[in-house]
Amino acid sequence: MPRSLRRYAHEYYELCKPRVVMLIVFTAIVGMFLAVPGVPPPDKLLLGTLGIALQAASAAAVNQLIDRNIDARMARTCGRPLVTGSLSVRESVIFAVLLGSAGFAVLWRWVNPLTAWLTLATLVGYAGIYTLYLKRATPQNIVIGGAAGAAPPVLGWAAVSGTLHPHALLLFLIVFTWTPPHFWTLAIERRDEYAKVGIPMLPVTHGIEYTRLQVLLYTVLLTAVSALPFVFGMSGLPYLCGALVLDAVFLAYAVRLKWAPKPGLPMRTFGYSIVYLMGIFSLLLVDHHLR
């Protein structure tokens, strides 16, 4: 592949926020496996994953389109393709529309209409309602907007079953409760940057000390929520034991962040939160097949 084509491919790849999309796809795939006793039908598994991934990548591209002026003023995001000029607004809009349309078509034609519409609603919720409005309107932006980010395991469940099962909603609740402590630790680290661009993240509007308290409270709540799959018979003791270990580590981070903060700890907590979510969903998957 010529160097110029490789460069363009890389820029389009970065426009999709690949690391975020990978986590989304992972939780969606786990939702697919939990929806059936054995292995999901291969066509639903592959095409459902493809459709959800395309829609998620489209939402990420739209997010960068809307936030390009803010991204240009933040160290964490100033290297994004739309900020550096590697991709134009026109190119990015076309790319986002093509990805979103292709994802919807795949889900509608080869998976089921329920998943297609739910995934589209998630795209609109994240790229439109959260990015365009909530992010700039309220310090509770990540709490309210977290509903869109918590949807992927429900989408995966619907892709293979065609239904919205209460157990799928437990998966939604885990991710929904996980989102605030996950994101607020990053916001603590980047408080000054958010203040500079006028985004009312919680550390900006209520201070870092208050945000640390909220991280701790939400982590306590997450510990309770993560036990619900066991309480409602969705998973067994192997899951519960593993989840309690992961919760204990997360709580230790949150306690240290509140009462023994030091430089670098917010980002280490942020990094562990990603490991935590992957661990919880991996435990759910392993426990499901052990049973």
Foldseek 3Di string as FASTA:
>chain_A
DDPLVVLLVVLLCVLLVVVLLVLLLLLLLLLQCLLDLHHFDPQLNVLLSQLLSLLSSLLSNLLCLLCVVLLCQAPVRVPHCPNVVVDDSVRSVVSSVVSNVVSLVSCVPRFHNVLSVLSVVLSCLRSPVLSPPLQQDDLCSQLVSQLSVLCSSQSSSCRRVVDRDVVSVLSSVLSSLLRLLLVLLVCLVRVVSCVVSRGPHPCVPPNDLVSLVVSLVSLVVSLVSLCVCPVVVSFHDQLNVQLNVLSVVLNVLSVCCNPPDDPPSSVVSNVSSSVNSSSNSVSSSVRSNVD
